[in-house]
Amino acid sequence: MRRLRLAACVTICAILFVSGCANGTVTITGTLVGADGGCLYVRGPDANGTDLYWLRHLPSDYVADADGLGEPDGNHIRIGDTLTVSGALSWVPLERQCVSVHTLDATVIK
């Protein structure tokens, strides 16, 4: 029985470690900022000033470039523009490409 519990614990920890931990969904309105060699962030207001959200994944019809985001209709969201982003908050322990307070996998951008 003890081995079974240990095996179950190791399996659960491995799944969480590999897949990351989901923290629910969020919708934020903030300023698009770029830094860290091409990483895109949204700086959104919070009770203590501002929170930084790293846009790890974008909807498939958006394209990131050096100036911001290309939209599906051909428009462009530039660095410094205000936008609203919805998506899943997550934490992936081994993904250190871009560092931020929050990691956001965007599903909708307006």
PDB file of N, CA and C in Angstrom:
ATOM      1  N   MET A   1       0.825  -1.191   0.000  1.00  0.00           N
ATOM      2  CA  MET A   1       0.000   0.000   0.000  1.00  0.00           C
ATOM      3  C   MET A   1       0.872   1.258   0.000  1.00  0.00           C
ATOM      4  N   ARG A   2       1.951   1.220   0.731  1.00  0.00           N
ATOM      5  CA  ARG A   2       2.834   2.382   0.800  1.00  0.00           C
ATOM      6  C   ARG A   2       3.474   2.668  -0.552  1.00  0.00           C
ATOM      7  N   ARG A   3       3.875   1.626  -1.266  1.00  0.00           N
ATOM      8  CA  ARG A   3       4.466   1.792  -2.592  1.00  0.00           C
ATOM      9  C   ARG A   3       3.447   2.371  -3.577  1.00  0.00           C
ATOM     10  N   LEU A   4       2.212   1.939  -3.454  1.00  0.00           N
ATOM     11  CA  LEU A   4       1.162   2.440  -4.326  1.00  0.00           C
ATOM     12  C   LEU A   4       0.949   3.935  -4.117  1.00  0.00           C
ATOM     13  N   ARG A   5       0.914   4.364  -2.859  1.00  0.00           N
ATOM     14  CA  ARG A   5       0.768   5.791  -2.565  1.00  0.00           C
ATOM     15  C   ARG A   5       1.957   6.588  -3.080  1.00  0.00           C
ATOM     16  N   LEU A   6       3.152   6.050  -2.890  1.00  0.00           N
ATOM     17  CA  LEU A   6       4.350   6.729  -3.368  1.00  0.00           C
ATOM     18  C   LEU A   6       4.341   6.836  -4.884  1.00  0.00           C
ATOM     19  N   ALA A   7       3.963   5.768  -5.561  1.00  0.00           N
ATOM     20  CA  ALA A   7       3.901   5.787  -7.028  1.00  0.00           C
ATOM     21  C   ALA A   7       2.852   6.792  -7.509  1.00  0.00           C
ATOM     22  N   ALA A   8       1.718   6.854  -6.842  1.00  0.00           N
ATOM     23  CA  ALA A   8       0.671   7.799  -7.212  1.00  0.00           C
ATOM     24  C   ALA A   8       1.156   9.233  -7.004  1.00  0.00           C
ATOM     25  N   CYS A   9       1.834   9.489  -5.906  1.00  0.00           N
ATOM     26  CA  CYS A   9       2.357  10.824  -5.616  1.00  0.00           C
ATOM     27  C   CYS A   9       3.388  11.244  -6.651  1.00  0.00           C
ATOM     28  N   VAL A  10       4.292  10.346  -6.999  1.00  0.00           N
ATOM     29  CA  VAL A  10       5.322  10.652  -7.997  1.00  0.00           C
ATOM     30  C   VAL A  10       4.680  10.929  -9.349  1.00  0.00           C
ATOM     31  N   THR A  11       3.676  10.157  -9.713  1.00  0.00           N
ATOM     32  CA  THR A  11       2.991  10.352 -10.991  1.00  0.00           C
ATOM     33  C   THR A  11       2.294  11.706 -11.041  1.00  0.00           C
ATOM     34  N   ILE A  12       1.586  12.050  -9.989  1.00  0.00           N
ATOM     35  CA  ILE A  12       0.886  13.332  -9.942  1.00  0.00           C
ATOM     36  C   ILE A  12       1.875  14.488  -9.997  1.00  0.00           C
ATOM     37  N   CYS A  13       2.954  14.391  -9.245  1.00  0.00           N
ATOM     38  CA  CYS A  13       3.965  15.463  -9.259  1.00  0.00           C
ATOM     39  C   CYS A  13       4.596  15.600 -10.641  1.00  0.00           C
ATOM     40  N   ALA A  14       4.873  14.496 -11.289  1.00  0.00           N
ATOM     41  CA  ALA A  14       5.477  14.540 -12.617  1.00  0.00           C
ATOM     42  C   ALA A  14       4.531  15.180 -13.629  1.00  0.00           C
ATOM     43  N   ILE A  15       3.249  14.837 -13.559  1.00  0.00           N
ATOM     44  CA  ILE A  15       2.277  15.430 -14.478  1.00  0.00           C
ATOM     45  C   ILE A  15       2.194  16.936 -14.268  1.00  0.00           C
ATOM     46  N   LEU A  16       2.117  17.372 -13.026  1.00  0.00           N
ATOM     47  CA  LEU A  16       2.049  18.802 -12.735  1.00  0.00           C
ATOM     48  C   LEU A  16       3.317  19.519 -13.163  1.00  0.00           C
ATOM     49  N   PHE A  17       4.456  18.881 -12.958  1.00  0.00           N
ATOM     50  CA  PHE A  17       5.734  19.490 -13.296  1.00  0.00           C
ATOM     51  C   PHE A  17       5.882  19.651 -14.803  1.00  0.00           C
ATOM     52  N   VAL A  18       5.485  18.643 -15.551  1.00  0.00           N
ATOM     53  CA  VAL A  18       5.640  18.677 -16.999  1.00  0.00           C
ATOM     54  C   VAL A  18       4.599  19.579 -17.652  1.00  0.00           C
ATOM     55  N   SER A  19       3.365  19.503 -17.207  1.00  0.00           N
ATOM     56  CA  SER A  19       2.306  20.250 -17.870  1.00  0.00           C
ATOM     57  C   SER A  19       2.110  21.647 -17.319  1.00  0.00           C
ATOM     58  N   GLY A  20       2.640  21.934 -16.166  1.00  0.00           N
ATOM     59  CA  GLY A  20       2.438  23.239 -15.557  1.00  0.00           C
ATOM     60  C   GLY A  20       1.190  23.241 -14.702  1.00  0.00           C
ATOM     61  N   CYS A  21       1.028  24.290 -13.968  1.00  0.00           N
ATOM     62  CA  CYS A  21      -0.121  24.393 -13.077  1.00  0.00           C
ATOM     63  C   CYS A  21      -1.044  25.477 -13.597  1.00  0.00           C
ATOM     64  N   ALA A  22      -2.267  25.094 -13.855  1.00  0.00           N
ATOM     65  CA  ALA A  22      -3.247  26.078 -14.314  1.00  0.00           C
ATOM     66  C   ALA A  22      -3.832  26.794 -13.109  1.00  0.00           C
ATOM     67  N   ASN A  23      -3.981  28.097 -13.240  1.00  0.00           N
ATOM     68  CA  ASN A  23      -4.518  28.908 -12.154  1.00  0.00           C
ATOM     69  C   ASN A  23      -5.826  29.569 -12.540  1.00  0.00           C
ATOM     70  N   GLY A  24      -6.575  28.999 -13.474  1.00  0.00           N
ATOM     71  CA  GLY A  24      -7.825  29.588 -13.897  1.00  0.00           C
ATOM     72  C   GLY A  24      -7.647  30.521 -15.071  1.00  0.00           C
ATOM     73  N   THR A  25      -8.713  31.247 -15.378  1.00  0.00           N
ATOM     74  CA  THR A  25      -8.675  32.171 -16.499  1.00  0.00           C
ATOM     75  C   THR A  25      -8.795  33.602 -15.991  1.00  0.00           C
ATOM     76  N   VAL A  26      -8.379  34.520 -16.838  1.00  0.00           N
ATOM     77  CA  VAL A  26      -8.394  35.930 -16.463  1.00  0.00           C
ATOM     78  C   VAL A  26      -8.623  36.766 -17.717  1.00  0.00           C
ATOM     79  N   THR A  27      -9.229  37.922 -17.554  1.00  0.00           N
ATOM     80  CA  THR A  27      -9.328  38.925 -18.609  1.00  0.00           C
ATOM     81  C   THR A  27      -8.734  40.209 -18.056  1.00  0.00           C
ATOM     82  N   ILE A  28      -7.736  40.742 -18.767  1.00  0.00           N
ATOM     83  CA  ILE A  28      -7.079  41.961 -18.304  1.00  0.00           C
ATOM     84  C   ILE A  28      -7.056  42.988 -19.424  1.00  0.00           C
ATOM     85  N   THR A  29      -7.086  44.235 -19.054  1.00  0.00           N
ATOM     86  CA  THR A  29      -6.884  45.338 -19.988  1.00  0.00           C
ATOM     87  C   THR A  29      -5.631  46.066 -19.540  1.00  0.00           C
ATOM     88  N   GLY A  30      -4.708  46.231 -20.458  1.00  0.00           N
ATOM     89  CA  GLY A  30      -3.453  46.866 -20.103  1.00  0.00           C
ATOM     90  C   GLY A  30      -2.696  47.318 -21.334  1.00  0.00           C
ATOM     91  N   THR A  31      -1.447  47.650 -21.134  1.00  0.00           N
ATOM     92  CA  THR A  31      -0.577  48.166 -22.184  1.00  0.00           C
ATOM     93  C   THR A  31       0.326  47.057 -22.695  1.00  0.00           C
ATOM     94  N   LEU A  32       0.424  46.930 -24.015  1.00  0.00           N
ATOM     95  CA  LEU A  32       1.325  45.965 -24.620  1.00  0.00           C
ATOM     96  C   LEU A  32       2.747  46.492 -24.507  1.00  0.00           C
ATOM     97  N   VAL A  33       3.632  45.706 -23.932  1.00  0.00           N
ATOM     98  CA  VAL A  33       5.033  46.088 -23.806  1.00  0.00           C
ATOM     99  C   VAL A  33       5.891  44.933 -24.297  1.00  0.00           C
ATOM    100  N   GLY A  34       7.038  45.250 -24.825  1.00  0.00           N
ATOM    101  CA  GLY A  34       7.958  44.236 -25.307  1.00  0.00           C
ATOM    102  C   GLY A  34       9.297  44.380 -24.613  1.00  0.00           C
ATOM    103  N   ALA A  35       9.927  43.256 -24.373  1.00  0.00           N
ATOM    104  CA  ALA A  35      11.238  43.256 -23.724  1.00  0.00           C
ATOM    105  C   ALA A  35      11.816  41.855 -23.814  1.00  0.00           C
ATOM    106  N   ASP A  36      12.974  41.673 -23.218  1.00  0.00           N
ATOM    107  CA  ASP A  36      13.600  40.352 -23.123  1.00  0.00           C
ATOM    108  C   ASP A  36      13.762  39.665 -24.469  1.00  0.00           C
ATOM    109  N   GLY A  37      14.222  40.368 -25.467  1.00  0.00           N
ATOM    110  CA  GLY A  37      14.517  39.737 -26.744  1.00  0.00           C
ATOM    111  C   GLY A  37      13.303  39.219 -27.489  1.00  0.00           C
ATOM    112  N   GLY A  38      12.256  40.001 -27.554  1.00  0.00           N
ATOM    113  CA  GLY A  38      11.099  39.608 -28.342  1.00  0.00           C
ATOM    114  C   GLY A  38       9.921  39.093 -27.550  1.00  0.00           C
ATOM    115  N   CYS A  39      10.009  39.004 -26.258  1.00  0.00           N
ATOM    116  CA  CYS A  39       8.879  38.561 -25.447  1.00  0.00           C
ATOM    117  C   CYS A  39       7.854  39.680 -25.351  1.00  0.00           C
ATOM    118  N   LEU A  40       6.587  39.318 -25.441  1.00  0.00           N
ATOM    119  CA  LEU A  40       5.518  40.302 -25.329  1.00  0.00           C
ATOM    120  C   LEU A  40       4.849  40.178 -23.971  1.00  0.00           C
ATOM    121  N   TYR A  41       4.568  41.333 -23.388  1.00  0.00           N
ATOM    122  CA  TYR A  41       3.928  41.394 -22.084  1.00  0.00           C
ATOM    123  C   TYR A  41       2.748  42.352 -22.152  1.00  0.00           C
ATOM    124  N   VAL A  42       1.799  42.166 -21.254  1.00  0.00           N
ATOM    125  CA  VAL A  42       0.750  43.151 -21.030  1.00  0.00           C
ATOM    126  C   VAL A  42       0.915  43.628 -19.600  1.00  0.00           C
ATOM    127  N   ARG A  43       1.057  44.938 -19.448  1.00  0.00           N
ATOM    128  CA  ARG A  43       1.180  45.534 -18.131  1.00  0.00           C
ATOM    129  C   ARG A  43      -0.205  46.010 -17.736  1.00  0.00           C
ATOM    130  N   GLY A  44      -0.796  45.304 -16.753  1.00  0.00           N
ATOM    131  CA  GLY A  44      -2.152  45.616 -16.331  1.00  0.00           C
ATOM    132  C   GLY A  44      -2.185  46.166 -14.922  1.00  0.00           C
ATOM    133  N   PRO A  45      -3.175  46.981 -14.626  1.00  0.00           N
ATOM    134  CA  PRO A  45      -3.279  47.563 -13.280  1.00  0.00           C
ATOM    135  C   PRO A  45      -3.700  46.529 -12.248  1.00  0.00           C
ATOM    136  N   ASP A  46      -3.223  46.702 -11.038  1.00  0.00           N
ATOM    137  CA  ASP A  46      -3.673  45.913  -9.894  1.00  0.00           C
ATOM    138  C   ASP A  46      -3.729  46.828  -8.681  1.00  0.00           C
ATOM    139  N   ALA A  47      -4.044  46.280  -7.548  1.00  0.00           N
ATOM    140  CA  ALA A  47      -4.196  47.096  -6.338  1.00  0.00           C
ATOM    141  C   ALA A  47      -2.894  47.750  -5.893  1.00  0.00           C
ATOM    142  N   ASN A  48      -1.742  47.151  -6.240  1.00  0.00           N
ATOM    143  CA  ASN A  48      -0.455  47.663  -5.780  1.00  0.00           C
ATOM    144  C   ASN A  48       0.344  48.379  -6.863  1.00  0.00           C
ATOM    145  N   GLY A  49      -0.261  48.706  -7.958  1.00  0.00           N
ATOM    146  CA  GLY A  49       0.486  49.353  -9.040  1.00  0.00           C
ATOM    147  C   GLY A  49       0.173  48.677 -10.351  1.00  0.00           C
ATOM    148  N   THR A  50       1.107  47.834 -10.843  1.00  0.00           N
ATOM    149  CA  THR A  50       0.871  47.113 -12.089  1.00  0.00           C
ATOM    150  C   THR A  50       1.379  45.687 -11.995  1.00  0.00           C
ATOM    151  N   ASP A  51       0.684  44.796 -12.666  1.00  0.00           N
ATOM    152  CA  ASP A  51       1.119  43.411 -12.813  1.00  0.00           C
ATOM    153  C   ASP A  51       1.594  43.208 -14.239  1.00  0.00           C
ATOM    154  N   LEU A  52       2.547  42.312 -14.409  1.00  0.00           N
ATOM    155  CA  LEU A  52       3.098  42.017 -15.720  1.00  0.00           C
ATOM    156  C   LEU A  52       2.657  40.618 -16.133  1.00  0.00           C
ATOM    157  N   TYR A  53       2.045  40.505 -17.311  1.00  0.00           N
ATOM    158  CA  TYR A  53       1.580  39.234 -17.845  1.00  0.00           C
ATOM    159  C   TYR A  53       2.368  38.914 -19.109  1.00  0.00           C
ATOM    160  N   TRP A  54       3.060  37.783 -19.118  1.00  0.00           N
ATOM    161  CA  TRP A  54       3.791  37.341 -20.295  1.00  0.00           C
ATOM    162  C   TRP A  54       2.822  36.607 -21.204  1.00  0.00           C
ATOM    163  N   LEU A  55       2.724  37.028 -22.457  1.00  0.00           N
ATOM    164  CA  LEU A  55       1.875  36.366 -23.436  1.00  0.00           C
ATOM    165  C   LEU A  55       2.655  35.203 -24.034  1.00  0.00           C
ATOM    166  N   ARG A  56       2.564  34.066 -23.375  1.00  0.00           N
ATOM    167  CA  ARG A  56       3.332  32.888 -23.801  1.00  0.00           C
ATOM    168  C   ARG A  56       2.773  32.310 -25.095  1.00  0.00           C
ATOM    169  N   HIS A  57       1.472  32.157 -25.176  1.00  0.00           N
ATOM    170  CA  HIS A  57       0.819  31.657 -26.387  1.00  0.00           C
ATOM    171  C   HIS A  57      -0.214  32.670 -26.835  1.00  0.00           C
ATOM    172  N   LEU A  58      -0.288  32.873 -28.138  1.00  0.00           N
ATOM    173  CA  LEU A  58      -1.264  33.788 -28.729  1.00  0.00           C
ATOM    174  C   LEU A  58      -2.296  32.968 -29.497  1.00  0.00           C
ATOM    175  N   PRO A  59      -3.476  33.527 -29.733  1.00  0.00           N
ATOM    176  CA  PRO A  59      -4.413  32.847 -30.625  1.00  0.00           C
ATOM    177  C   PRO A  59      -3.742  32.608 -31.976  1.00  0.00           C
ATOM    178  N   SER A  60      -4.110  31.545 -32.652  1.00  0.00           N
ATOM    179  CA  SER A  60      -3.408  31.125 -33.871  1.00  0.00           C
ATOM    180  C   SER A  60      -3.451  32.153 -35.000  1.00  0.00           C
ATOM    181  N   ASP A  61      -4.404  33.061 -34.992  1.00  0.00           N
ATOM    182  CA  ASP A  61      -4.499  34.037 -36.072  1.00  0.00           C
ATOM    183  C   ASP A  61      -3.775  35.349 -35.778  1.00  0.00           C
ATOM    184  N   TYR A  62      -3.061  35.437 -34.663  1.00  0.00           N
ATOM    185  CA  TYR A  62      -2.253  36.617 -34.330  1.00  0.00           C
ATOM    186  C   TYR A  62      -0.780  36.304 -34.548  1.00  0.00           C
ATOM    187  N   VAL A  63      -0.027  37.306 -34.989  1.00  0.00           N
ATOM    188  CA  VAL A  63       1.397  37.120 -35.252  1.00  0.00           C
ATOM    189  C   VAL A  63       2.184  38.165 -34.475  1.00  0.00           C
ATOM    190  N   ALA A  64       3.137  37.725 -33.668  1.00  0.00           N
ATOM    191  CA  ALA A  64       4.001  38.647 -32.922  1.00  0.00           C
ATOM    192  C   ALA A  64       5.164  39.073 -33.814  1.00  0.00           C
ATOM    193  N   ASP A  65       5.503  40.350 -33.735  1.00  0.00           N
ATOM    194  CA  ASP A  65       6.684  40.854 -34.432  1.00  0.00           C
ATOM    195  C   ASP A  65       7.391  41.864 -33.534  1.00  0.00           C
ATOM    196  N   ALA A  66       8.434  42.491 -34.034  1.00  0.00           N
ATOM    197  CA  ALA A  66       9.231  43.407 -33.219  1.00  0.00           C
ATOM    198  C   ALA A  66       8.450  44.647 -32.783  1.00  0.00           C
ATOM    199  N   ASP A  67       7.394  44.999 -33.521  1.00  0.00           N
ATOM    200  CA  ASP A  67       6.623  46.203 -33.215  1.00  0.00           C
ATOM    201  C   ASP A  67       5.359  45.939 -32.415  1.00  0.00           C
ATOM    202  N   GLY A  68       4.973  44.677 -32.243  1.00  0.00           N
ATOM    203  CA  GLY A  68       3.751  44.363 -31.511  1.00  0.00           C
ATOM    204  C   GLY A  68       3.088  43.110 -32.020  1.00  0.00           C
ATOM    205  N   LEU A  69       1.779  43.227 -32.330  1.00  0.00           N
ATOM    206  CA  LEU A  69       0.982  42.081 -32.761  1.00  0.00           C
ATOM    207  C   LEU A  69       0.254  42.383 -34.058  1.00  0.00           C
ATOM    208  N   GLY A  70       0.344  41.460 -35.016  1.00  0.00           N
ATOM    209  CA  GLY A  70      -0.458  41.556 -36.220  1.00  0.00           C
ATOM    210  C   GLY A  70      -1.776  40.856 -35.985  1.00  0.00           C
ATOM    211  N   GLU A  71      -2.877  41.556 -36.294  1.00  0.00           N
ATOM    212  CA  GLU A  71      -4.212  41.001 -36.090  1.00  0.00           C
ATOM    213  C   GLU A  71      -4.684  40.268 -37.344  1.00  0.00           C
ATOM    214  N   PRO A  72      -5.686  39.398 -37.210  1.00  0.00           N
ATOM    215  CA  PRO A  72      -6.183  38.638 -38.362  1.00  0.00           C
ATOM    216  C   PRO A  72      -6.743  39.516 -39.486  1.00  0.00           C
ATOM    217  N   ASP A  73      -7.273  40.692 -39.143  1.00  0.00           N
ATOM    218  CA  ASP A  73      -7.853  41.573 -40.157  1.00  0.00           C
ATOM    219  C   ASP A  73      -6.821  42.484 -40.817  1.00  0.00           C
ATOM    220  N   GLY A  74      -5.548  42.283 -40.494  1.00  0.00           N
ATOM    221  CA  GLY A  74      -4.482  43.087 -41.094  1.00  0.00           C
ATOM    222  C   GLY A  74      -4.073  44.291 -40.270  1.00  0.00           C
ATOM    223  N   ASN A  75      -4.822  44.635 -39.240  1.00  0.00           N
ATOM    224  CA  ASN A  75      -4.442  45.740 -38.361  1.00  0.00           C
ATOM    225  C   ASN A  75      -3.265  45.331 -37.489  1.00  0.00           C
ATOM    226  N   HIS A  76      -2.719  46.306 -36.795  1.00  0.00           N
ATOM    227  CA  HIS A  76      -1.529  46.041 -35.984  1.00  0.00           C
ATOM    228  C   HIS A  76      -1.695  46.682 -34.613  1.00  0.00           C
ATOM    229  N   ILE A  77      -1.437  45.923 -33.576  1.00  0.00           N
ATOM    230  CA  ILE A  77      -1.409  46.448 -32.209  1.00  0.00           C
ATOM    231  C   ILE A  77       0.050  46.729 -31.896  1.00  0.00           C
ATOM    232  N   ARG A  78       0.374  47.971 -31.681  1.00  0.00           N
ATOM    233  CA  ARG A  78       1.766  48.368 -31.468  1.00  0.00           C
ATOM    234  C   ARG A  78       2.143  48.350 -29.990  1.00  0.00           C
ATOM    235  N   ILE A  79       3.448  48.254 -29.732  1.00  0.00           N
ATOM    236  CA  ILE A  79       3.957  48.364 -28.372  1.00  0.00           C
ATOM    237  C   ILE A  79       3.488  49.710 -27.819  1.00  0.00           C
ATOM    238  N   GLY A  80       2.901  49.704 -26.635  1.00  0.00           N
ATOM    239  CA  GLY A  80       2.385  50.917 -26.018  1.00  0.00           C
ATOM    240  C   GLY A  80       0.886  51.077 -26.168  1.00  0.00           C
ATOM    241  N   ASP A  81       0.270  50.308 -27.093  1.00  0.00           N
ATOM    242  CA  ASP A  81      -1.182  50.367 -27.265  1.00  0.00           C
ATOM    243  C   ASP A  81      -1.872  49.627 -26.124  1.00  0.00           C
ATOM    244  N   THR A  82      -3.132  50.009 -25.882  1.00  0.00           N
ATOM    245  CA  THR A  82      -3.948  49.338 -24.877  1.00  0.00           C
ATOM    246  C   THR A  82      -4.742  48.222 -25.542  1.00  0.00           C
ATOM    247  N   LEU A  83      -4.806  47.075 -24.889  1.00  0.00           N
ATOM    248  CA  LEU A  83      -5.562  45.951 -25.399  1.00  0.00           C
ATOM    249  C   LEU A  83      -6.166  45.163 -24.244  1.00  0.00           C
ATOM    250  N   THR A  84      -7.145  44.325 -24.568  1.00  0.00           N
ATOM    251  CA  THR A  84      -7.769  43.434 -23.593  1.00  0.00           C
ATOM    252  C   THR A  84      -7.458  42.008 -24.006  1.00  0.00           C
ATOM    253  N   VAL A  85      -6.949  41.232 -23.062  1.00  0.00           N
ATOM    254  CA  VAL A  85      -6.545  39.859 -23.334  1.00  0.00           C
ATOM    255  C   VAL A  85      -7.241  38.929 -22.351  1.00  0.00           C
ATOM    256  N   SER A  86      -7.781  37.828 -22.874  1.00  0.00           N
ATOM    257  CA  SER A  86      -8.369  36.788 -22.030  1.00  0.00           C
ATOM    258  C   SER A  86      -7.610  35.500 -22.271  1.00  0.00           C
ATOM    259  N   GLY A  87      -7.483  34.711 -21.227  1.00  0.00           N
ATOM    260  CA  GLY A  87      -6.803  33.438 -21.385  1.00  0.00           C
ATOM    261  C   GLY A  87      -6.572  32.743 -20.073  1.00  0.00           C
ATOM    262  N   ALA A  88      -5.835  31.654 -20.150  1.00  0.00           N
ATOM    263  CA  ALA A  88      -5.551  30.831 -18.983  1.00  0.00           C
ATOM    264  C   ALA A  88      -4.233  31.249 -18.353  1.00  0.00           C
ATOM    265  N   LEU A  89      -4.255  31.460 -17.054  1.00  0.00           N
ATOM    266  CA  LEU A  89      -3.016  31.700 -16.311  1.00  0.00           C
ATOM    267  C   LEU A  89      -2.360  30.359 -16.058  1.00  0.00           C
ATOM    268  N   SER A  90      -1.058  30.299 -16.216  1.00  0.00           N
ATOM    269  CA  SER A  90      -0.365  29.041 -15.980  1.00  0.00           C
ATOM    270  C   SER A  90       1.027  29.306 -15.433  1.00  0.00           C
ATOM    271  N   TRP A  91       1.628  28.234 -14.978  1.00  0.00           N
ATOM    272  CA  TRP A  91       3.002  28.288 -14.492  1.00  0.00           C
ATOM    273  C   TRP A  91       3.709  27.057 -15.008  1.00  0.00           C
ATOM    274  N   VAL A  92       4.777  27.263 -15.761  1.00  0.00           N
ATOM    275  CA  VAL A  92       5.546  26.155 -16.312  1.00  0.00           C
ATOM    276  C   VAL A  92       6.954  26.264 -15.752  1.00  0.00           C
ATOM    277  N   PRO A  93       7.342  25.341 -14.884  1.00  0.00           N
ATOM    278  CA  PRO A  93       8.594  25.487 -14.145  1.00  0.00           C
ATOM    279  C   PRO A  93       9.863  25.513 -14.986  1.00  0.00           C
ATOM    280  N   LEU A  94       9.883  24.845 -16.127  1.00  0.00           N
ATOM    281  CA  LEU A  94      11.115  24.783 -16.908  1.00  0.00           C
ATOM    282  C   LEU A  94      11.168  25.806 -18.031  1.00  0.00           C
ATOM    283  N   GLU A  95      10.108  26.542 -18.251  1.00  0.00           N
ATOM    284  CA  GLU A  95      10.075  27.510 -19.338  1.00  0.00           C
ATOM    285  C   GLU A  95      10.499  28.874 -18.812  1.00  0.00           C
ATOM    286  N   ARG A  96      11.734  29.235 -19.064  1.00  0.00           N
ATOM    287  CA  ARG A  96      12.301  30.479 -18.543  1.00  0.00           C
ATOM    288  C   ARG A  96      12.668  31.451 -19.644  1.00  0.00           C
ATOM    289  N   GLN A  97      12.087  31.280 -20.825  1.00  0.00           N
ATOM    290  CA  GLN A  97      12.400  32.166 -21.947  1.00  0.00           C
ATOM    291  C   GLN A  97      12.080  33.611 -21.602  1.00  0.00           C
ATOM    292  N   CYS A  98      10.925  33.827 -21.014  1.00  0.00           N
ATOM    293  CA  CYS A  98      10.497  35.165 -20.644  1.00  0.00           C
ATOM    294  C   CYS A  98      10.060  35.118 -19.186  1.00  0.00           C
ATOM    295  N   VAL A  99      10.518  36.059 -18.415  1.00  0.00           N
ATOM    296  CA  VAL A  99      10.229  36.058 -16.988  1.00  0.00           C
ATOM    297  C   VAL A  99       9.183  37.128 -16.706  1.00  0.00           C
ATOM    298  N   SER A 100       8.179  36.770 -15.915  1.00  0.00           N
ATOM    299  CA  SER A 100       7.164  37.746 -15.544  1.00  0.00           C
ATOM    300  C   SER A 100       6.466  37.292 -14.279  1.00  0.00           C
ATOM    301  N   VAL A 101       5.604  38.156 -13.809  1.00  0.00           N
ATOM    302  CA  VAL A 101       4.816  37.832 -12.623  1.00  0.00           C
ATOM    303  C   VAL A 101       3.806  36.760 -12.952  1.00  0.00           C
ATOM    304  N   HIS A 102       3.154  36.867 -14.128  1.00  0.00           N
ATOM    305  CA  HIS A 102       2.133  35.927 -14.556  1.00  0.00           C
ATOM    306  C   HIS A 102       2.416  35.447 -15.965  1.00  0.00           C
ATOM    307  N   THR A 103       2.088  34.189 -16.250  1.00  0.00           N
ATOM    308  CA  THR A 103       2.178  33.647 -17.604  1.00  0.00           C
ATOM    309  C   THR A 103       0.754  33.468 -18.112  1.00  0.00           C
ATOM    310  N   LEU A 104       0.458  34.037 -19.272  1.00  0.00           N
ATOM    311  CA  LEU A 104      -0.893  34.013 -19.817  1.00  0.00           C
ATOM    312  C   LEU A 104      -0.890  33.358 -21.190  1.00  0.00           C
ATOM    313  N   ASP A 105      -1.692  32.318 -21.325  1.00  0.00           N
ATOM    314  CA  ASP A 105      -1.910  31.677 -22.605  1.00  0.00           C
ATOM    315  C   ASP A 105      -3.177  32.282 -23.201  1.00  0.00           C
ATOM    316  N   ALA A 106      -3.012  33.260 -24.095  1.00  0.00           N
ATOM    317  CA  ALA A 106      -4.128  34.059 -24.601  1.00  0.00           C
ATOM    318  C   ALA A 106      -5.027  33.262 -25.521  1.00  0.00           C
ATOM    319  N   THR A 107      -6.324  33.418 -25.329  1.00  0.00           N
ATOM    320  CA  THR A 107      -7.301  32.816 -26.232  1.00  0.00           C
ATOM    321  C   THR A 107      -8.077  33.884 -27.000  1.00  0.00           C
ATOM    322  N   VAL A 108      -8.214  35.075 -26.430  1.00  0.00           N
ATOM    323  CA  VAL A 108      -8.930  36.180 -27.082  1.00  0.00           C
ATOM    324  C   VAL A 108      -8.155  37.478 -26.860  1.00  0.00           C
ATOM    325  N   ILE A 109      -7.986  38.252 -27.929  1.00  0.00           N
ATOM    326  CA  ILE A 109      -7.341  39.565 -27.841  1.00  0.00           C
ATOM    327  C   ILE A 109      -8.255  40.575 -28.529  1.00  0.00           C
ATOM    328  N   LYS A 110      -8.541  41.677 -27.821  1.00  0.00           N
ATOM    329  CA  LYS A 110      -9.380  42.742 -28.393  1.00  0.00           C
ATOM    330  C   LYS A 110      -8.638  44.066 -28.316  1.00  0.00           C
TER     331      LYS A 110
END
